[in-house]
Amino acid sequence: MYRIGIDIGGTFTDFAAVDDAGRVVIAKSASTPQDPSDGLLEGLTVLAGELGIDRATLLAQTERIVHGTTAATNALLERKGASVALLTTEGHRDVIEMREGLKDDRYNVRMAPPVPLVPRARRIGVKERMRFDGTVATALSATSLAAAVKAVAKLGVDAIAVCYLHSYRNPKHEVETGKALAKHLPAPT
């Protein structure tokens, strides 16, 4: 049986197969950013060829595939990702610009802050608040949410992130917001 590792990079996709005896075979194929699966399948064919078998046989004899990619990291670094709006707890839309811990030298006041992933104009506060323990401090305001949905619609963004305080303890407000967004905004094409 084989275990296969795959890393899809911006230029090349790398493959490594390890068999039960610990023998390692590697292969490489060109990455295909328009459809990463094309490069992945081509690379599996190359890897199978290095093992002297075809791709179907390789996959039939594979117990595990571990996959990673630098595509998301590259998109962040190159700022080539989707245009995003952020809905967050009212009064907290600037938290991502507060310069806490995101600098190489966080106590160097002369160091320029990182450019936020979502510009301030696309960060919208919604009246709601969960406490640290997951209890509701402020109920999700239907009026505030409706205004936020309307504002997001005018922005014409590709994606919407919802990040309310303490939602990891109680996601109720985020779930309700997701439903409102799905109901009132057109699905992406």
N, C-alpha and C. Protein backbone atom coordinates (compact mmCIF):
# COMPACT_ATOMS: atom_id res chain seq x y z
N MET A 1 0.85 -1.19 0.00
CA MET A 1 0.00 0.00 0.00
C MET A 1 0.89 1.24 0.00
N TYR A 2 0.36 2.31 -0.62
CA TYR A 2 1.09 3.56 -0.70
C TYR A 2 0.43 4.63 0.18
N ARG A 3 1.25 5.54 0.59
CA ARG A 3 0.80 6.79 1.21
C ARG A 3 1.37 7.89 0.31
N ILE A 4 0.52 8.82 -0.10
CA ILE A 4 0.93 9.86 -1.05
C ILE A 4 0.78 11.23 -0.41
N GLY A 5 1.80 12.04 -0.60
CA GLY A 5 1.76 13.44 -0.19
C GLY A 5 1.75 14.32 -1.42
N ILE A 6 0.91 15.34 -1.42
CA ILE A 6 0.78 16.24 -2.57
C ILE A 6 0.84 17.68 -2.08
N ASP A 7 1.65 18.50 -2.75
CA ASP A 7 1.70 19.93 -2.43
C ASP A 7 1.51 20.70 -3.73
N ILE A 8 0.37 21.39 -3.83
CA ILE A 8 0.09 22.20 -5.02
C ILE A 8 0.63 23.59 -4.78
N GLY A 9 1.64 23.96 -5.54
CA GLY A 9 2.23 25.29 -5.45
C GLY A 9 1.78 26.15 -6.61
N GLY A 10 2.29 27.36 -6.65
CA GLY A 10 1.91 28.29 -7.69
C GLY A 10 2.43 27.90 -9.07
N THR A 11 3.60 27.24 -9.12
CA THR A 11 4.21 26.86 -10.39
C THR A 11 4.20 25.35 -10.60
N PHE A 12 4.58 24.62 -9.55
CA PHE A 12 4.65 23.16 -9.66
C PHE A 12 3.81 22.49 -8.58
N THR A 13 3.39 21.27 -8.87
CA THR A 13 2.74 20.42 -7.90
C THR A 13 3.68 19.26 -7.65
N ASP A 14 4.01 19.05 -6.37
CA ASP A 14 4.98 18.02 -5.98
C ASP A 14 4.27 16.83 -5.37
N PHE A 15 4.80 15.64 -5.65
CA PHE A 15 4.21 14.39 -5.19
C PHE A 15 5.28 13.53 -4.55
N ALA A 16 4.92 12.82 -3.51
CA ALA A 16 5.79 11.82 -2.91
C ALA A 16 4.92 10.62 -2.53
N ALA A 17 5.38 9.44 -2.91
CA ALA A 17 4.70 8.20 -2.54
C ALA A 17 5.65 7.39 -1.68
N VAL A 18 5.12 6.83 -0.59
CA VAL A 18 5.91 5.98 0.29
C VAL A 18 5.20 4.63 0.35
N ASP A 19 5.97 3.55 0.12
CA ASP A 19 5.35 2.22 0.19
C ASP A 19 5.57 1.62 1.58
N ASP A 20 5.06 0.41 1.79
CA ASP A 20 5.13 -0.24 3.10
C ASP A 20 6.57 -0.50 3.56
N ALA A 21 7.49 -0.61 2.61
CA ALA A 21 8.89 -0.84 2.95
C ALA A 21 9.63 0.46 3.24
N GLY A 22 8.95 1.58 3.08
CA GLY A 22 9.59 2.87 3.34
C GLY A 22 10.27 3.48 2.13
N ARG A 23 10.13 2.84 0.96
CA ARG A 23 10.72 3.38 -0.26
C ARG A 23 9.95 4.62 -0.68
N VAL A 24 10.67 5.68 -1.03
CA VAL A 24 10.06 6.95 -1.41
C VAL A 24 10.30 7.19 -2.90
N VAL A 25 9.23 7.56 -3.60
CA VAL A 25 9.31 7.93 -5.01
C VAL A 25 8.67 9.30 -5.14
N ILE A 26 9.35 10.21 -5.86
CA ILE A 26 8.82 11.56 -6.01
C ILE A 26 8.54 11.87 -7.47
N ALA A 27 7.67 12.84 -7.68
CA ALA A 27 7.33 13.29 -9.04
C ALA A 27 6.90 14.74 -8.95
N LYS A 28 6.83 15.38 -10.11
CA LYS A 28 6.48 16.79 -10.19
C LYS A 28 5.68 17.01 -11.47
N SER A 29 4.69 17.92 -11.38
CA SER A 29 3.96 18.31 -12.59
C SER A 29 3.72 19.81 -12.52
N ALA A 30 3.38 20.38 -13.64
CA ALA A 30 3.06 21.81 -13.67
C ALA A 30 1.73 22.02 -12.95
N SER A 31 1.67 23.08 -12.14
CA SER A 31 0.40 23.44 -11.50
C SER A 31 -0.51 24.07 -12.54
N THR A 32 -1.80 23.92 -12.32
CA THR A 32 -2.79 24.47 -13.25
C THR A 32 -3.76 25.33 -12.43
N PRO A 33 -3.40 26.61 -12.18
CA PRO A 33 -4.21 27.46 -11.30
C PRO A 33 -5.67 27.59 -11.71
N GLN A 34 -5.97 27.53 -13.01
CA GLN A 34 -7.37 27.65 -13.44
C GLN A 34 -8.20 26.47 -12.95
N ASP A 35 -7.58 25.31 -12.79
CA ASP A 35 -8.24 24.13 -12.23
C ASP A 35 -7.15 23.24 -11.64
N PRO A 36 -6.84 23.40 -10.35
CA PRO A 36 -5.75 22.65 -9.74
C PRO A 36 -5.88 21.13 -9.88
N SER A 37 -7.10 20.64 -10.06
CA SER A 37 -7.26 19.19 -10.19
C SER A 37 -6.61 18.65 -11.47
N ASP A 38 -6.51 19.49 -12.51
CA ASP A 38 -5.87 19.03 -13.75
C ASP A 38 -4.40 18.70 -13.50
N GLY A 39 -3.68 19.60 -12.85
CA GLY A 39 -2.27 19.36 -12.54
C GLY A 39 -2.09 18.22 -11.57
N LEU A 40 -3.03 18.10 -10.63
CA LEU A 40 -2.97 17.02 -9.66
C LEU A 40 -3.11 15.66 -10.34
N LEU A 41 -4.09 15.53 -11.22
CA LEU A 41 -4.29 14.26 -11.92
C LEU A 41 -3.11 13.93 -12.83
N GLU A 42 -2.58 14.95 -13.50
CA GLU A 42 -1.41 14.73 -14.36
C GLU A 42 -0.23 14.25 -13.51
N GLY A 43 -0.03 14.88 -12.36
CA GLY A 43 1.06 14.49 -11.48
C GLY A 43 0.91 13.09 -10.93
N LEU A 44 -0.32 12.69 -10.63
CA LEU A 44 -0.53 11.31 -10.18
C LEU A 44 -0.18 10.32 -11.28
N THR A 45 -0.47 10.70 -12.52
CA THR A 45 -0.10 9.85 -13.65
C THR A 45 1.42 9.73 -13.76
N VAL A 46 2.12 10.85 -13.59
CA VAL A 46 3.59 10.85 -13.62
C VAL A 46 4.14 10.01 -12.47
N LEU A 47 3.57 10.18 -11.28
CA LEU A 47 4.01 9.42 -10.11
C LEU A 47 3.80 7.93 -10.33
N ALA A 48 2.65 7.58 -10.86
CA ALA A 48 2.37 6.16 -11.15
C ALA A 48 3.40 5.62 -12.15
N GLY A 49 3.72 6.42 -13.17
CA GLY A 49 4.72 6.00 -14.14
C GLY A 49 6.08 5.76 -13.49
N GLU A 50 6.45 6.59 -12.54
CA GLU A 50 7.72 6.40 -11.81
C GLU A 50 7.72 5.09 -11.04
N LEU A 51 6.52 4.64 -10.65
CA LEU A 51 6.39 3.37 -9.92
C LEU A 51 6.19 2.18 -10.85
N GLY A 52 6.06 2.47 -12.16
CA GLY A 52 5.88 1.39 -13.14
C GLY A 52 4.46 0.85 -13.20
N ILE A 53 3.49 1.67 -12.78
CA ILE A 53 2.09 1.25 -12.82
C ILE A 53 1.26 2.39 -13.41
N ASP A 54 -0.02 2.15 -13.64
CA ASP A 54 -0.87 3.24 -14.13
C ASP A 54 -1.55 3.92 -12.94
N ARG A 55 -2.19 5.06 -13.22
CA ARG A 55 -2.79 5.87 -12.16
C ARG A 55 -3.89 5.12 -11.41
N ALA A 56 -4.72 4.39 -12.14
CA ALA A 56 -5.81 3.65 -11.49
C ALA A 56 -5.26 2.62 -10.51
N THR A 57 -4.20 1.93 -10.90
CA THR A 57 -3.59 0.94 -10.02
C THR A 57 -2.98 1.62 -8.80
N LEU A 58 -2.30 2.75 -9.04
CA LEU A 58 -1.72 3.49 -7.92
C LEU A 58 -2.79 3.88 -6.91
N LEU A 59 -3.89 4.43 -7.39
CA LEU A 59 -4.95 4.87 -6.48
C LEU A 59 -5.60 3.68 -5.77
N ALA A 60 -5.74 2.57 -6.47
CA ALA A 60 -6.32 1.37 -5.85
C ALA A 60 -5.42 0.83 -4.75
N GLN A 61 -4.13 1.09 -4.87
CA GLN A 61 -3.16 0.59 -3.89
C GLN A 61 -2.74 1.68 -2.89
N THR A 62 -3.51 2.75 -2.81
CA THR A 62 -3.18 3.87 -1.92
C THR A 62 -4.13 3.87 -0.73
N GLU A 63 -3.54 3.88 0.47
CA GLU A 63 -4.35 3.90 1.68
C GLU A 63 -4.62 5.30 2.19
N ARG A 64 -3.76 6.25 1.84
CA ARG A 64 -3.93 7.61 2.36
C ARG A 64 -3.28 8.62 1.42
N ILE A 65 -3.98 9.74 1.24
CA ILE A 65 -3.42 10.88 0.51
C ILE A 65 -3.48 12.09 1.44
N VAL A 66 -2.35 12.74 1.58
CA VAL A 66 -2.28 13.97 2.37
C VAL A 66 -2.00 15.09 1.39
N HIS A 67 -2.82 16.13 1.45
CA HIS A 67 -2.76 17.20 0.46
C HIS A 67 -2.55 18.54 1.14
N GLY A 68 -1.71 19.34 0.55
CA GLY A 68 -1.50 20.70 1.03
C GLY A 68 -1.34 21.62 -0.17
N THR A 69 -1.50 22.90 0.07
CA THR A 69 -1.34 23.86 -1.02
C THR A 69 -0.87 25.20 -0.49
N THR A 70 -0.12 25.88 -1.30
CA THR A 70 0.29 27.25 -0.95
C THR A 70 -0.59 28.26 -1.69
N ALA A 71 -1.62 27.79 -2.37
CA ALA A 71 -2.47 28.69 -3.17
C ALA A 71 -3.09 29.79 -2.32
N ALA A 72 -3.63 29.43 -1.16
CA ALA A 72 -4.25 30.44 -0.30
C ALA A 72 -3.22 31.42 0.24
N THR A 73 -2.07 30.90 0.66
CA THR A 73 -0.99 31.77 1.15
C THR A 73 -0.54 32.72 0.05
N ASN A 74 -0.36 32.20 -1.15
CA ASN A 74 0.06 33.04 -2.28
C ASN A 74 -0.99 34.11 -2.57
N ALA A 75 -2.26 33.74 -2.53
CA ALA A 75 -3.32 34.72 -2.79
C ALA A 75 -3.28 35.84 -1.76
N LEU A 76 -3.04 35.49 -0.50
CA LEU A 76 -2.94 36.51 0.55
C LEU A 76 -1.73 37.41 0.34
N LEU A 77 -0.59 36.79 0.09
CA LEU A 77 0.64 37.57 -0.07
C LEU A 77 0.59 38.48 -1.30
N GLU A 78 -0.02 37.98 -2.36
CA GLU A 78 -0.09 38.75 -3.60
C GLU A 78 -1.33 39.62 -3.69
N ARG A 79 -2.20 39.51 -2.70
CA ARG A 79 -3.45 40.29 -2.66
C ARG A 79 -4.28 40.05 -3.92
N LYS A 80 -4.38 38.78 -4.31
CA LYS A 80 -5.14 38.42 -5.50
C LYS A 80 -6.43 37.68 -5.17
N GLY A 81 -6.84 37.74 -3.92
CA GLY A 81 -8.03 37.02 -3.51
C GLY A 81 -9.30 37.77 -3.86
N ALA A 82 -10.38 37.24 -3.38
CA ALA A 82 -11.70 37.81 -3.62
C ALA A 82 -11.84 39.15 -2.91
N SER A 83 -12.73 39.97 -3.41
CA SER A 83 -13.12 41.21 -2.76
C SER A 83 -14.08 40.82 -1.64
N VAL A 84 -13.73 41.16 -0.39
CA VAL A 84 -14.47 40.66 0.77
C VAL A 84 -15.08 41.79 1.59
N ALA A 85 -16.28 41.56 2.08
CA ALA A 85 -16.89 42.42 3.09
C ALA A 85 -16.87 41.66 4.40
N LEU A 86 -16.78 42.38 5.51
CA LEU A 86 -16.74 41.76 6.82
C LEU A 86 -17.86 42.32 7.69
N LEU A 87 -18.73 41.43 8.15
CA LEU A 87 -19.74 41.82 9.14
C LEU A 87 -19.20 41.41 10.50
N THR A 88 -19.18 42.36 11.42
CA THR A 88 -18.64 42.08 12.75
C THR A 88 -19.49 42.77 13.81
N THR A 89 -19.23 42.44 15.03
CA THR A 89 -19.98 43.03 16.14
C THR A 89 -19.82 44.54 16.12
N GLU A 90 -20.95 45.24 16.23
CA GLU A 90 -20.94 46.71 16.21
C GLU A 90 -19.92 47.24 17.23
N GLY A 91 -19.13 48.22 16.76
CA GLY A 91 -18.12 48.83 17.61
C GLY A 91 -16.77 48.15 17.55
N HIS A 92 -16.66 47.08 16.77
CA HIS A 92 -15.41 46.32 16.71
C HIS A 92 -14.84 46.17 15.30
N ARG A 93 -15.28 46.98 14.38
CA ARG A 93 -14.83 46.80 13.00
C ARG A 93 -13.36 47.18 12.80
N ASP A 94 -12.79 47.94 13.73
CA ASP A 94 -11.40 48.35 13.58
C ASP A 94 -10.41 47.47 14.34
N VAL A 95 -10.89 46.43 14.98
CA VAL A 95 -10.01 45.56 15.75
C VAL A 95 -8.87 45.01 14.89
N ILE A 96 -9.15 44.69 13.64
CA ILE A 96 -8.10 44.10 12.80
C ILE A 96 -7.01 45.11 12.44
N GLU A 97 -7.19 46.38 12.78
CA GLU A 97 -6.16 47.37 12.53
C GLU A 97 -5.47 47.86 13.81
N MET A 98 -5.70 47.22 14.91
CA MET A 98 -5.18 47.72 16.17
C MET A 98 -3.71 47.39 16.39
N ARG A 99 -3.08 46.75 15.44
CA ARG A 99 -1.64 46.53 15.45
C ARG A 99 -1.16 45.59 16.55
N GLU A 100 -2.01 44.78 17.07
CA GLU A 100 -1.62 43.86 18.13
C GLU A 100 -1.06 42.57 17.55
N GLY A 101 0.20 42.35 17.72
CA GLY A 101 0.80 41.07 17.42
C GLY A 101 0.99 40.71 15.97
N LEU A 102 0.60 41.54 15.04
CA LEU A 102 0.75 41.18 13.64
C LEU A 102 2.03 41.74 13.02
N LYS A 103 2.79 42.50 13.80
CA LYS A 103 4.03 43.07 13.30
C LYS A 103 5.18 42.16 13.69
N ASP A 104 6.25 42.20 12.90
CA ASP A 104 7.44 41.42 13.25
C ASP A 104 8.00 41.88 14.60
N ASP A 105 7.91 43.17 14.87
CA ASP A 105 8.41 43.73 16.12
C ASP A 105 7.27 44.55 16.73
N ARG A 106 6.40 43.91 17.48
CA ARG A 106 5.16 44.53 17.93
C ARG A 106 5.33 45.77 18.79
N TYR A 107 6.49 45.97 19.40
CA TYR A 107 6.71 47.14 20.25
C TYR A 107 7.42 48.27 19.53
N ASN A 108 7.70 48.10 18.25
CA ASN A 108 8.34 49.14 17.45
C ASN A 108 7.24 50.03 16.88
N VAL A 109 7.03 51.21 17.50
CA VAL A 109 5.95 52.09 17.08
C VAL A 109 6.22 52.75 15.72
N ARG A 110 7.43 52.67 15.24
CA ARG A 110 7.76 53.25 13.94
C ARG A 110 7.50 52.29 12.78
N MET A 111 7.28 51.05 13.10
CA MET A 111 7.02 50.05 12.06
C MET A 111 5.61 50.24 11.53
N ALA A 112 5.50 50.29 10.22
CA ALA A 112 4.18 50.46 9.59
C ALA A 112 3.31 49.24 9.88
N PRO A 113 2.04 49.45 10.14
CA PRO A 113 1.15 48.31 10.38
C PRO A 113 0.90 47.56 9.08
N PRO A 114 0.53 46.28 9.18
CA PRO A 114 0.19 45.56 7.97
C PRO A 114 -1.10 46.11 7.36
N VAL A 115 -1.21 45.99 6.07
CA VAL A 115 -2.43 46.42 5.39
C VAL A 115 -3.52 45.41 5.73
N PRO A 116 -4.67 45.87 6.23
CA PRO A 116 -5.72 44.91 6.60
C PRO A 116 -6.25 44.16 5.38
N LEU A 117 -6.67 42.94 5.61
CA LEU A 117 -7.20 42.12 4.51
C LEU A 117 -8.51 42.67 3.98
N VAL A 118 -9.28 43.33 4.84
CA VAL A 118 -10.54 43.93 4.44
C VAL A 118 -10.46 45.42 4.76
N PRO A 119 -10.54 46.29 3.75
CA PRO A 119 -10.46 47.72 4.03
C PRO A 119 -11.64 48.19 4.89
N ARG A 120 -11.42 49.25 5.63
CA ARG A 120 -12.43 49.75 6.58
C ARG A 120 -13.78 50.00 5.93
N ALA A 121 -13.80 50.48 4.71
CA ALA A 121 -15.07 50.79 4.03
C ALA A 121 -15.92 49.54 3.80
N ARG A 122 -15.30 48.36 3.83
CA ARG A 122 -16.04 47.12 3.61
C ARG A 122 -16.23 46.32 4.90
N ARG A 123 -15.98 46.96 6.05
CA ARG A 123 -16.22 46.34 7.35
C ARG A 123 -17.44 47.00 7.97
N ILE A 124 -18.44 46.20 8.27
CA ILE A 124 -19.73 46.73 8.72
C ILE A 124 -20.09 46.13 10.08
N GLY A 125 -20.40 47.00 11.02
CA GLY A 125 -20.81 46.55 12.35
C GLY A 125 -22.28 46.20 12.38
N VAL A 126 -22.59 45.14 13.11
CA VAL A 126 -23.97 44.70 13.30
C VAL A 126 -24.24 44.67 14.80
N LYS A 127 -25.38 45.24 15.19
CA LYS A 127 -25.71 45.29 16.61
C LYS A 127 -26.06 43.89 17.12
N GLU A 128 -25.16 43.35 17.92
CA GLU A 128 -25.31 42.03 18.54
C GLU A 128 -24.11 41.88 19.48
N ARG A 129 -24.23 40.98 20.43
CA ARG A 129 -23.07 40.73 21.29
C ARG A 129 -23.28 39.45 22.10
N MET A 130 -22.32 38.56 21.97
CA MET A 130 -22.26 37.37 22.82
C MET A 130 -21.22 37.63 23.90
N ARG A 131 -21.47 37.11 25.08
CA ARG A 131 -20.48 37.17 26.15
C ARG A 131 -19.47 36.04 25.96
N PHE A 132 -18.39 36.11 26.69
CA PHE A 132 -17.33 35.11 26.59
C PHE A 132 -17.82 33.69 26.88
N ASP A 133 -18.89 33.58 27.65
CA ASP A 133 -19.40 32.25 28.01
C ASP A 133 -20.50 31.76 27.07
N GLY A 134 -20.80 32.54 26.03
CA GLY A 134 -21.80 32.14 25.04
C GLY A 134 -23.21 32.61 25.33
N THR A 135 -23.39 33.33 26.43
CA THR A 135 -24.72 33.88 26.69
C THR A 135 -24.88 35.17 25.91
N VAL A 136 -26.10 35.50 25.60
CA VAL A 136 -26.40 36.68 24.79
C VAL A 136 -26.36 37.93 25.66
N ALA A 137 -25.49 38.86 25.30
CA ALA A 137 -25.45 40.16 25.98
C ALA A 137 -26.39 41.13 25.28
N THR A 138 -26.36 41.09 23.94
CA THR A 138 -27.23 41.93 23.12
C THR A 138 -27.79 41.06 22.01
N ALA A 139 -29.09 40.96 21.93
CA ALA A 139 -29.73 40.15 20.89
C ALA A 139 -29.37 40.71 19.51
N LEU A 140 -29.32 39.83 18.53
CA LEU A 140 -29.08 40.25 17.16
C LEU A 140 -30.21 41.16 16.71
N SER A 141 -29.87 42.38 16.34
CA SER A 141 -30.88 43.36 15.91
C SER A 141 -31.27 43.10 14.46
N ALA A 142 -32.53 42.81 14.25
CA ALA A 142 -33.03 42.57 12.89
C ALA A 142 -32.86 43.82 12.04
N THR A 143 -33.06 44.99 12.62
CA THR A 143 -32.92 46.26 11.88
C THR A 143 -31.47 46.49 11.48
N SER A 144 -30.56 46.28 12.41
CA SER A 144 -29.14 46.45 12.13
C SER A 144 -28.66 45.44 11.08
N LEU A 145 -29.11 44.19 11.21
CA LEU A 145 -28.73 43.16 10.25
C LEU A 145 -29.27 43.49 8.86
N ALA A 146 -30.50 43.93 8.78
CA ALA A 146 -31.08 44.29 7.48
C ALA A 146 -30.29 45.43 6.83
N ALA A 147 -29.90 46.41 7.63
CA ALA A 147 -29.10 47.53 7.10
C ALA A 147 -27.73 47.03 6.63
N ALA A 148 -27.14 46.10 7.37
CA ALA A 148 -25.84 45.56 6.98
C ALA A 148 -25.94 44.77 5.67
N VAL A 149 -26.98 43.97 5.54
CA VAL A 149 -27.19 43.19 4.31
C VAL A 149 -27.36 44.14 3.12
N LYS A 150 -28.11 45.20 3.33
CA LYS A 150 -28.32 46.19 2.27
C LYS A 150 -27.00 46.87 1.90
N ALA A 151 -26.19 47.20 2.90
CA ALA A 151 -24.90 47.83 2.65
C ALA A 151 -23.95 46.90 1.90
N VAL A 152 -23.96 45.63 2.28
CA VAL A 152 -23.10 44.65 1.60
C VAL A 152 -23.53 44.51 0.15
N ALA A 153 -24.82 44.49 -0.12
CA ALA A 153 -25.32 44.36 -1.49
C ALA A 153 -24.81 45.50 -2.36
N LYS A 154 -24.72 46.70 -1.81
CA LYS A 154 -24.23 47.86 -2.57
C LYS A 154 -22.74 47.78 -2.85
N LEU A 155 -22.00 47.03 -2.03
CA LEU A 155 -20.55 46.95 -2.20
C LEU A 155 -20.15 46.10 -3.41
N GLY A 156 -20.99 45.16 -3.78
CA GLY A 156 -20.67 44.31 -4.93
C GLY A 156 -19.45 43.43 -4.71
N VAL A 157 -19.30 42.87 -3.52
CA VAL A 157 -18.14 42.05 -3.20
C VAL A 157 -18.31 40.62 -3.70
N ASP A 158 -17.18 39.89 -3.72
CA ASP A 158 -17.19 38.49 -4.14
C ASP A 158 -17.53 37.55 -2.99
N ALA A 159 -17.22 37.99 -1.75
CA ALA A 159 -17.40 37.12 -0.59
C ALA A 159 -17.73 37.96 0.63
N ILE A 160 -18.34 37.31 1.61
CA ILE A 160 -18.71 37.99 2.85
C ILE A 160 -18.24 37.12 4.01
N ALA A 161 -17.49 37.74 4.91
CA ALA A 161 -17.06 37.06 6.13
C ALA A 161 -17.92 37.59 7.27
N VAL A 162 -18.31 36.70 8.16
CA VAL A 162 -19.07 37.09 9.35
C VAL A 162 -18.23 36.67 10.55
N CYS A 163 -17.89 37.65 11.38
CA CYS A 163 -17.01 37.38 12.51
C CYS A 163 -17.49 38.18 13.71
N TYR A 164 -18.36 37.56 14.49
CA TYR A 164 -18.90 38.21 15.68
C TYR A 164 -18.10 37.78 16.91
N LEU A 165 -18.05 38.66 17.88
CA LEU A 165 -17.34 38.36 19.12
C LEU A 165 -17.91 37.11 19.79
N HIS A 166 -17.03 36.26 20.25
CA HIS A 166 -17.34 35.06 21.03
C HIS A 166 -18.28 34.07 20.33
N SER A 167 -18.32 34.11 19.02
CA SER A 167 -19.17 33.17 18.28
C SER A 167 -18.65 31.74 18.41
N TYR A 168 -17.40 31.58 18.78
CA TYR A 168 -16.86 30.24 18.99
C TYR A 168 -17.58 29.55 20.16
N ARG A 169 -18.15 30.34 21.08
CA ARG A 169 -18.89 29.79 22.21
C ARG A 169 -20.37 29.60 21.88
N ASN A 170 -20.89 30.48 21.02
CA ASN A 170 -22.30 30.40 20.64
C ASN A 170 -22.45 31.03 19.26
N PRO A 171 -22.58 30.22 18.22
CA PRO A 171 -22.65 30.74 16.86
C PRO A 171 -24.03 31.21 16.41
N LYS A 172 -24.98 31.28 17.32
CA LYS A 172 -26.37 31.56 16.95
C LYS A 172 -26.51 32.80 16.08
N HIS A 173 -25.87 33.90 16.45
CA HIS A 173 -26.00 35.14 15.68
C HIS A 173 -25.34 35.02 14.31
N GLU A 174 -24.22 34.34 14.24
CA GLU A 174 -23.56 34.14 12.95
C GLU A 174 -24.43 33.27 12.04
N VAL A 175 -25.03 32.24 12.59
CA VAL A 175 -25.91 31.36 11.80
C VAL A 175 -27.10 32.16 11.27
N GLU A 176 -27.73 32.97 12.12
CA GLU A 176 -28.86 33.79 11.69
C GLU A 176 -28.43 34.78 10.61
N THR A 177 -27.24 35.34 10.77
CA THR A 177 -26.72 36.28 9.77
C THR A 177 -26.50 35.56 8.44
N GLY A 178 -25.93 34.37 8.49
CA GLY A 178 -25.72 33.59 7.27
C GLY A 178 -27.02 33.32 6.54
N LYS A 179 -28.06 33.01 7.29
CA LYS A 179 -29.37 32.76 6.68
C LYS A 179 -29.92 34.02 6.02
N ALA A 180 -29.76 35.15 6.70
CA ALA A 180 -30.25 36.42 6.13
C ALA A 180 -29.48 36.78 4.87
N LEU A 181 -28.17 36.57 4.87
CA LEU A 181 -27.37 36.86 3.68
C LEU A 181 -27.80 35.96 2.52
N ALA A 182 -27.97 34.68 2.79
CA ALA A 182 -28.38 33.73 1.75
C ALA A 182 -29.75 34.07 1.19
N LYS A 183 -30.63 34.57 2.04
CA LYS A 183 -31.99 34.88 1.62
C LYS A 183 -32.05 36.15 0.77
N HIS A 184 -31.25 37.15 1.11
CA HIS A 184 -31.41 38.47 0.50
C HIS A 184 -30.35 38.82 -0.56
N LEU A 185 -29.29 38.04 -0.65
CA LEU A 185 -28.27 38.36 -1.65
C LEU A 185 -28.24 37.28 -2.71
N PRO A 186 -27.97 37.66 -3.94
CA PRO A 186 -27.93 36.65 -5.00
C PRO A 186 -26.76 35.70 -4.81
N ALA A 187 -26.97 34.47 -5.21
CA ALA A 187 -25.91 33.49 -5.14
C ALA A 187 -24.82 33.85 -6.14
N PRO A 188 -23.55 33.57 -5.79
CA PRO A 188 -22.47 33.88 -6.73
C PRO A 188 -22.59 33.05 -8.00
N THR A 189 -22.11 33.61 -9.09
CA THR A 189 -22.18 32.90 -10.37
C THR A 189 -20.83 32.38 -10.76
